[in-house]
């Protein structure tokens, strides 16, 4: 599979007969299929969003290899192809492999339909992926990490009563400690939840055991 990654949709893809939009469920991504096995992926930026895409691709490769190791038999592949339209037969077949009942149930949740076809594709695919990252010439957006750090710095200056244009050398040494937290909104809210402070003693005792 080949993935061309950019932050701008190529003009050639504006023609409906050239590309086909690909629906995504886990991530709100803009993806176009040019031909079978070749897609163009439009990301928000070429750093955090790109890292997320590559990380998920690596997870897919690792988990696919686990499935291949447990189903790597010519007989299993033959049976999967023969009864790929019969979901119940596929489940019965998987119960005779080294997959655990929990793993079989998990696969059913991921692919409630066409489970046999998806597993056959994994067995036939050798995880041959090619990713090409292209940064458009017109890509003039500010670096997201630089923007994030600048916003943190300006906020700290404002809290300390300094001008937003103050340099590092213009601030005297103090004992102030600034904690920077990055994460999802849920993780952040859990971290600052009053529950942690109200049950600090129990949590620390649990951590020490």
Protein backbone atom coordinates (compact mmCIF):
# COMPACT_ATOMS: atom_id res chain seq x y z
CA UNK A 1 0.00 0.00 0.00
CA UNK A 2 1.22 3.50 -0.88
CA UNK A 3 0.24 6.62 1.05
CA UNK A 4 1.03 10.10 -0.27
CA UNK A 5 0.77 12.56 2.63
CA UNK A 6 0.38 16.32 2.35
CA UNK A 7 -1.40 19.26 3.96
CA UNK A 8 -2.97 20.46 0.72
CA UNK A 9 -5.28 18.61 -1.64
CA UNK A 10 -3.64 18.29 -5.08
CA UNK A 11 -5.58 20.11 -7.80
CA UNK A 12 -5.79 16.94 -9.87
CA UNK A 13 -7.96 15.30 -7.19
CA UNK A 14 -10.69 17.91 -7.64
CA UNK A 15 -11.98 15.90 -10.59
CA UNK A 16 -14.53 13.33 -9.31
CA UNK A 17 -13.53 10.73 -11.92
CA UNK A 18 -9.90 10.61 -10.80
CA UNK A 19 -10.21 9.95 -7.08
CA UNK A 20 -12.67 8.38 -4.67
CA UNK A 21 -13.15 9.71 -1.12
CA UNK A 22 -12.40 7.11 1.58
CA UNK A 23 -14.62 7.09 4.65
CA UNK A 24 -12.77 6.93 7.97
CA UNK A 25 -14.35 6.11 11.32
CA UNK A 26 -11.55 6.21 13.90
CA UNK A 27 -10.03 9.51 12.70
CA UNK A 28 -11.66 12.45 10.86
CA UNK A 29 -9.17 12.36 7.99
CA UNK A 30 -9.49 13.44 4.37
CA UNK A 31 -8.35 10.53 2.22
CA UNK A 32 -8.71 9.92 -1.51
CA UNK A 33 -8.15 6.61 -3.27
CA UNK A 34 -6.48 7.07 -6.63
CA UNK A 35 -6.21 3.39 -7.57
CA UNK A 36 -6.33 0.18 -5.56
CA UNK A 37 -3.56 0.29 -2.98
CA UNK A 38 -2.67 3.95 -3.52
CA UNK A 39 -4.18 6.75 -1.45
CA UNK A 40 -3.59 10.44 -0.81
CA UNK A 41 -3.93 11.50 2.84
CA UNK A 42 -4.50 15.16 3.73
CA UNK A 43 -3.30 16.03 7.24
CA UNK A 44 -3.76 19.15 9.36
CA UNK A 45 0.00 19.47 9.88
CA UNK A 46 3.15 17.50 9.18
CA UNK A 47 4.14 17.00 12.81
CA UNK A 48 1.58 15.96 15.43
CA UNK A 49 -0.96 14.68 12.90
CA UNK A 50 1.77 12.91 10.94
CA UNK A 51 3.11 11.28 14.11
CA UNK A 52 -0.41 10.07 14.91
CA UNK A 53 -0.82 8.60 11.43
CA UNK A 54 2.55 6.80 11.51
CA UNK A 55 1.96 5.55 15.07
CA UNK A 56 -1.39 4.03 14.15
CA UNK A 57 0.12 2.48 11.04
CA UNK A 58 2.83 0.87 13.21
CA UNK A 59 0.17 -0.43 15.62
CA UNK A 60 -1.70 -1.92 12.67
CA UNK A 61 1.45 -3.68 11.46
CA UNK A 62 2.27 -5.10 14.91
CA UNK A 63 -1.27 -6.36 15.55
CA UNK A 64 -1.53 -7.79 12.03
CA UNK A 65 1.64 -9.78 12.57
CA UNK A 66 0.15 -11.24 15.74
CA UNK A 67 -2.89 -12.41 13.80
CA UNK A 68 -0.72 -13.84 11.04
CA UNK A 69 1.35 -15.79 13.57
CA UNK A 70 -1.78 -17.39 15.01
CA UNK A 71 -3.44 -18.11 11.68
CA UNK A 72 -0.42 -18.74 9.44
CA UNK A 73 -1.52 -21.98 7.87
CA UNK A 74 -2.45 -22.65 4.24
CA UNK A 75 -5.47 -24.60 5.47
CA UNK A 76 -6.70 -21.66 7.55
CA UNK A 77 -6.39 -19.31 4.59
CA UNK A 78 -8.21 -21.75 2.32
CA UNK A 79 -11.05 -22.17 4.83
CA UNK A 80 -11.32 -18.42 5.41
CA UNK A 81 -11.70 -17.80 1.68
CA UNK A 82 -14.19 -20.63 1.20
CA UNK A 83 -16.53 -19.57 4.02
CA UNK A 84 -15.80 -15.84 4.13
CA UNK A 85 -19.48 -14.98 3.68
CA UNK A 86 -20.56 -17.21 6.59
CA UNK A 87 -19.84 -15.32 9.82
CA UNK A 88 -20.80 -18.24 12.07
CA UNK A 89 -18.53 -20.64 10.16
CA UNK A 90 -15.66 -18.15 10.47
CA UNK A 91 -16.12 -17.98 14.25
CA UNK A 92 -16.17 -21.78 14.47
CA UNK A 93 -12.98 -21.92 12.41
CA UNK A 94 -11.22 -19.37 14.64
CA UNK A 95 -12.13 -21.38 17.73
CA UNK A 96 -9.93 -24.20 16.41
CA UNK A 97 -6.87 -21.94 16.12
CA UNK A 98 -4.55 -20.61 18.81
CA UNK A 99 -6.69 -17.48 19.15
CA UNK A 100 -8.26 -17.16 22.60
CA UNK A 101 -12.04 -16.73 22.96
CA UNK A 102 -11.43 -13.14 24.07
CA UNK A 103 -9.39 -12.46 20.94
CA UNK A 104 -12.08 -13.98 18.70
CA UNK A 105 -14.72 -11.80 20.36
CA UNK A 106 -12.49 -8.76 19.87
CA UNK A 107 -12.11 -9.49 16.16
CA UNK A 108 -15.88 -9.81 15.84
CA UNK A 109 -16.34 -6.39 17.43
CA UNK A 110 -13.83 -4.83 15.05
CA UNK A 111 -15.35 -6.50 11.97
CA UNK A 112 -18.98 -7.45 12.66
CA UNK A 113 -19.37 -8.00 8.92
CA UNK A 114 -17.05 -9.71 6.41
CA UNK A 115 -14.74 -10.98 9.16
CA UNK A 116 -13.41 -13.77 6.96
CA UNK A 117 -12.55 -11.41 4.13
CA UNK A 118 -10.68 -9.02 6.44
CA UNK A 119 -8.67 -11.85 8.01
CA UNK A 120 -7.84 -13.29 4.60
CA UNK A 121 -6.58 -9.88 3.48
CA UNK A 122 -4.33 -9.70 6.54
CA UNK A 123 -2.89 -13.15 5.83
CA UNK A 124 -2.24 -12.30 2.19
CA UNK A 125 -0.79 -8.86 2.88
CA UNK A 126 2.86 -8.73 3.94
CA UNK A 127 2.64 -5.28 5.57
CA UNK A 128 4.39 -3.68 2.63
CA UNK A 129 3.69 0.01 3.19
CA UNK A 130 5.29 3.00 1.51
CA UNK A 131 4.69 6.48 2.93
CA UNK A 132 5.75 9.60 1.01
CA UNK A 133 5.43 12.96 2.75
CA UNK A 134 5.14 16.03 0.52
CA UNK A 135 5.14 19.58 1.86
CA UNK A 136 3.50 22.00 -0.59
CA UNK A 137 5.43 25.08 -1.71
CA UNK A 138 2.50 27.19 -0.48
CA UNK A 139 2.76 25.64 2.99
CA UNK A 140 3.41 28.85 4.96
CA UNK A 141 1.66 27.99 8.22
CA UNK A 142 3.51 28.58 11.47
CA UNK A 143 5.10 25.50 12.96
CA UNK A 144 2.49 24.09 15.44
CA UNK A 145 5.11 23.26 18.10
CA UNK A 146 6.64 26.74 17.82
CA UNK A 147 3.16 28.24 18.08
CA UNK A 148 2.38 26.11 21.15
CA UNK A 149 5.64 27.05 22.93
CA UNK A 150 5.19 30.75 22.10
CA UNK A 151 1.69 30.71 23.54
CA UNK A 152 2.96 29.08 26.74
CA UNK A 153 5.77 31.65 27.06
CA UNK A 154 3.43 34.63 26.57
CA UNK A 155 0.95 33.20 29.11
CA UNK A 156 3.71 32.76 31.72
CA UNK A 157 4.90 36.34 31.15
CA UNK A 158 1.39 37.68 31.61
CA UNK A 159 0.91 35.72 34.85
CA UNK A 160 4.22 37.09 36.17
CA UNK A 161 3.26 40.63 35.26
CA UNK A 162 5.74 41.09 32.42
CA UNK A 163 5.27 42.32 28.90
CA UNK A 164 4.69 39.67 26.23
CA UNK A 165 7.83 40.91 24.47
CA UNK A 166 10.10 40.33 27.48
CA UNK A 167 13.10 38.09 26.74
CA UNK A 168 14.41 35.34 29.01
CA UNK A 169 17.26 37.59 30.16
CA UNK A 170 14.80 40.24 31.28
CA UNK A 171 13.31 38.09 34.05
CA UNK A 172 15.16 37.90 37.39
CA UNK A 173 15.83 34.53 39.02
CA UNK A 174 12.87 33.39 41.14
CA UNK A 175 11.76 30.26 42.97
CA UNK A 176 8.63 29.99 40.83
CA UNK A 177 8.06 26.55 39.37
CA UNK A 178 5.96 26.29 36.21
CA UNK A 179 4.43 22.90 35.40
CA UNK A 180 3.46 22.34 31.76
CA UNK A 181 0.87 19.67 31.09
CA UNK A 182 0.01 18.30 27.67
CA UNK A 183 -2.58 15.65 26.94
CA UNK A 184 -6.15 15.05 25.96
CA UNK A 185 -8.90 17.13 27.52
CA UNK A 186 -10.12 14.12 29.50
CA UNK A 187 -6.64 13.39 30.89
CA UNK A 188 -6.20 17.06 31.81
CA UNK A 189 -9.55 17.26 33.60
CA UNK A 190 -8.82 14.05 35.47
CA UNK A 191 -5.46 15.44 36.55
CA UNK A 192 -6.86 18.65 38.03
CA UNK A 193 -9.93 16.96 39.48
CA UNK A 194 -10.53 17.78 43.19
CA UNK A 195 -10.89 14.03 43.77
CA UNK A 196 -7.10 13.61 43.56
CA UNK A 197 -6.48 16.24 46.25
CA UNK A 198 -9.29 14.99 48.47
CA UNK A 199 -7.91 11.43 48.36
CA UNK A 200 -4.22 12.27 48.19
CA UNK A 201 -3.33 10.23 51.27
CA UNK A 202 -5.06 7.05 50.02
CA UNK A 203 -3.50 7.41 46.57
CA UNK A 204 0.02 7.89 47.95
CA UNK A 205 -0.40 4.89 50.28
CA UNK A 206 -1.61 2.78 47.37
CA UNK A 207 1.35 3.88 45.22
CA UNK A 208 3.82 3.02 47.98
CA UNK A 209 2.56 -0.58 48.32
